[in-house]
Amino acid sequence: MKISKPLWQAIGLGTIAGFRTMSAPAITSHILSQHHSKALESSPLNFIQSQKVATAFKLLAVTEFIGDKLPTAPDRIQAAGVVGRTLAGGLAGASVYKASGNHAYIGAILGGSAAILATFGSFYLRKSTVKVTKLMDPIIGSIEDALVVGASAGLANAA
């Protein structure tokens, strides 16, 4: 399988990581476990093509969806959250770029940068939406989840 639009897929996956950290590696691993890339076989990124890794990332993503709704969930703009989202976006971006025969570091920069922007953008958008609509935060979080799932499905179909 050839990744059809690595630039936009890396940016899209990074954006998804900004909303939900584990969703970007989960969808990337799902795609690549179904459609192995020869370009990744001799790469340190080859692990992302494993069905077991894809399953683990999916479980982590579901856990994150649930944990995000808890009142004890930390703000995504705390340092650890930003670093985690940046790394997740970078991993996803690097993987799709390398799978398409391009340089992994370019994909990592694109995915990581998009994750940083989306982390802060989605945080302030969510806070503002809760304030304006007077809806409970977990409801807005569930809408974010739906957007992430929809965007992930779109990226999976574009691959």
Protein backbone atom coordinates (compact mmCIF):
# COMPACT_ATOMS: atom_id res chain seq x y z
CA MET A 1 0.00 0.00 0.00
CA LYS A 2 1.20 3.49 -0.79
CA ILE A 3 0.29 6.34 1.51
CA SER A 4 -1.54 8.64 -0.90
CA LYS A 5 -1.15 12.06 0.73
CA PRO A 6 1.61 11.89 3.36
CA LEU A 7 1.79 15.66 3.92
CA TRP A 8 -1.89 16.00 4.76
CA GLN A 9 -2.02 12.67 6.55
CA ALA A 10 0.90 13.65 8.80
CA ILE A 11 -0.74 17.00 9.57
CA GLY A 12 -4.12 15.33 10.10
CA LEU A 13 -2.67 12.71 12.42
CA GLY A 14 -0.83 15.39 14.36
CA THR A 15 -4.06 17.31 14.73
CA ILE A 16 -5.80 14.20 15.99
CA ALA A 17 -2.98 13.71 18.53
CA GLY A 18 -3.64 17.26 19.76
CA PHE A 19 -7.21 16.26 20.59
CA ARG A 20 -6.57 12.69 21.80
CA THR A 21 -2.97 11.58 22.26
CA MET A 22 -3.30 7.87 21.57
CA SER A 23 -5.72 8.11 18.66
CA ALA A 24 -3.04 9.17 16.17
CA PRO A 25 -0.72 6.21 16.80
CA ALA A 26 -3.77 3.91 16.98
CA ILE A 27 -5.09 4.86 13.54
CA THR A 28 -1.58 4.90 12.04
CA SER A 29 -0.80 1.46 13.40
CA HIS A 30 -4.20 0.15 12.31
CA ILE A 31 -3.64 1.32 8.74
CA LEU A 32 -0.08 0.05 8.55
CA SER A 33 -0.86 -3.30 10.19
CA GLN A 34 -3.45 -3.89 7.48
CA HIS A 35 -1.27 -2.58 4.64
CA HIS A 36 2.40 -3.21 5.38
CA SER A 37 4.93 -0.88 3.82
CA LYS A 38 8.23 -2.28 2.58
CA ALA A 39 9.78 1.12 3.31
CA LEU A 40 9.22 0.53 7.04
CA GLU A 41 10.58 -3.02 7.16
CA SER A 42 14.22 -2.06 7.73
CA SER A 43 13.31 0.96 9.84
CA PRO A 44 13.04 1.41 13.61
CA LEU A 45 9.41 2.34 12.87
CA ASN A 46 8.62 -1.19 11.65
CA PHE A 47 6.98 -2.01 15.02
CA ILE A 48 4.02 0.20 14.12
CA GLN A 49 2.99 -2.33 11.45
CA SER A 50 2.40 -5.04 14.04
CA GLN A 51 -1.17 -6.18 14.67
CA LYS A 52 -0.36 -6.52 18.38
CA VAL A 53 0.93 -2.94 18.52
CA ALA A 54 -2.19 -1.74 16.70
CA THR A 55 -4.38 -3.52 19.25
CA ALA A 56 -2.41 -2.05 22.16
CA PHE A 57 -2.70 1.48 20.77
CA LYS A 58 -6.44 1.02 20.22
CA LEU A 59 -6.89 -0.10 23.83
CA LEU A 60 -4.91 2.91 25.03
CA ALA A 61 -7.03 5.20 22.84
CA VAL A 62 -10.29 3.84 24.28
CA THR A 63 -8.90 4.23 27.79
CA GLU A 64 -8.01 7.83 26.99
CA PHE A 65 -11.53 8.51 25.69
CA ILE A 66 -12.90 7.35 29.04
CA GLY A 67 -10.25 9.04 31.19
CA ASP A 68 -10.76 12.38 29.47
CA LYS A 69 -14.26 12.64 30.93
CA LEU A 70 -13.13 12.21 34.54
CA PRO A 71 -12.94 15.32 36.71
CA THR A 72 -9.40 14.34 37.72
CA ALA A 73 -8.15 14.40 34.11
CA PRO A 74 -5.30 16.92 33.81
CA ASP A 75 -5.49 19.77 31.33
CA ARG A 76 -3.97 18.79 28.00
CA ILE A 77 -1.81 21.92 28.04
CA GLN A 78 0.18 20.79 31.06
CA ALA A 79 3.77 20.06 30.10
CA ALA A 80 3.46 16.26 30.20
CA GLY A 81 0.33 16.39 28.04
CA VAL A 82 1.92 18.65 25.45
CA VAL A 83 5.03 16.47 25.28
CA GLY A 84 2.98 13.27 24.97
CA ARG A 85 0.77 14.70 22.23
CA THR A 86 3.78 16.07 20.36
CA LEU A 87 5.52 12.69 20.50
CA ALA A 88 2.35 10.86 19.42
CA GLY A 89 1.83 13.23 16.49
CA GLY A 90 5.51 12.95 15.59
CA LEU A 91 5.40 9.14 15.67
CA ALA A 92 2.31 9.03 13.48
CA GLY A 93 3.69 11.60 11.04
CA ALA A 94 7.10 9.91 10.84
CA SER A 95 5.46 6.54 10.22
CA VAL A 96 3.27 7.67 7.32
CA TYR A 97 6.11 9.67 5.79
CA LYS A 98 8.54 6.77 6.01
CA ALA A 99 5.88 4.34 4.74
CA SER A 100 5.44 6.52 1.66
CA GLY A 101 9.17 6.39 0.94
CA ASN A 102 9.97 9.85 2.29
CA HIS A 103 12.14 11.02 5.18
CA ALA A 104 10.64 10.14 8.56
CA TYR A 105 11.98 13.27 10.22
CA ILE A 106 9.89 15.52 7.95
CA GLY A 107 6.76 13.62 8.92
CA ALA A 108 7.77 13.79 12.59
CA ILE A 109 8.16 17.57 12.39
CA LEU A 110 4.83 17.99 10.59
CA GLY A 111 2.93 15.64 12.90
CA GLY A 112 4.53 16.99 16.07
CA SER A 113 3.98 20.62 15.08
CA ALA A 114 0.35 19.99 14.19
CA ALA A 115 -0.10 18.23 17.54
CA ILE A 116 1.22 21.24 19.46
CA LEU A 117 -1.05 23.64 17.60
CA ALA A 118 -4.08 21.37 17.97
CA THR A 119 -3.37 20.78 21.67
CA PHE A 120 -3.63 24.46 22.52
CA GLY A 121 -6.33 25.24 19.96
CA SER A 122 -8.58 22.39 21.08
CA PHE A 123 -8.03 23.20 24.77
CA TYR A 124 -9.11 26.81 24.45
CA LEU A 125 -11.92 25.95 22.04
CA ARG A 126 -13.28 23.37 24.49
CA LYS A 127 -13.09 25.76 27.45
CA SER A 128 -14.79 28.51 25.46
CA THR A 129 -17.50 26.16 24.17
CA VAL A 130 -18.28 24.95 27.69
CA LYS A 131 -18.52 28.56 28.89
CA VAL A 132 -20.68 29.80 26.02
CA THR A 133 -23.04 26.82 25.75
CA LYS A 134 -23.21 26.06 29.49
CA LEU A 135 -22.97 22.36 28.59
CA MET A 136 -21.06 20.11 30.94
CA ASP A 137 -17.42 19.57 29.98
CA PRO A 138 -17.81 15.78 29.47
CA ILE A 139 -20.50 16.44 26.86
CA ILE A 140 -18.16 18.68 24.90
CA GLY A 141 -15.45 16.04 25.38
CA SER A 142 -17.76 13.45 23.85
CA ILE A 143 -18.28 15.71 20.85
CA GLU A 144 -14.49 15.94 20.55
CA ASP A 145 -14.35 12.14 20.65
CA ALA A 146 -16.84 11.95 17.79
CA LEU A 147 -14.74 14.40 15.77
CA VAL A 148 -11.59 12.36 16.42
CA VAL A 149 -13.28 9.10 15.39
CA GLY A 150 -14.69 10.71 12.25
CA ALA A 151 -11.37 12.28 11.28
CA SER A 152 -9.57 9.00 11.95
CA ALA A 153 -11.99 7.13 9.70
CA GLY A 154 -11.45 9.73 7.00
CA LEU A 155 -7.68 9.39 7.22
CA ALA A 156 -7.94 5.60 7.17
CA ASN A 157 -10.00 5.77 3.98
CA ALA A 158 -7.59 8.25 2.39
CA ALA A 159 -4.60 5.99 2.97
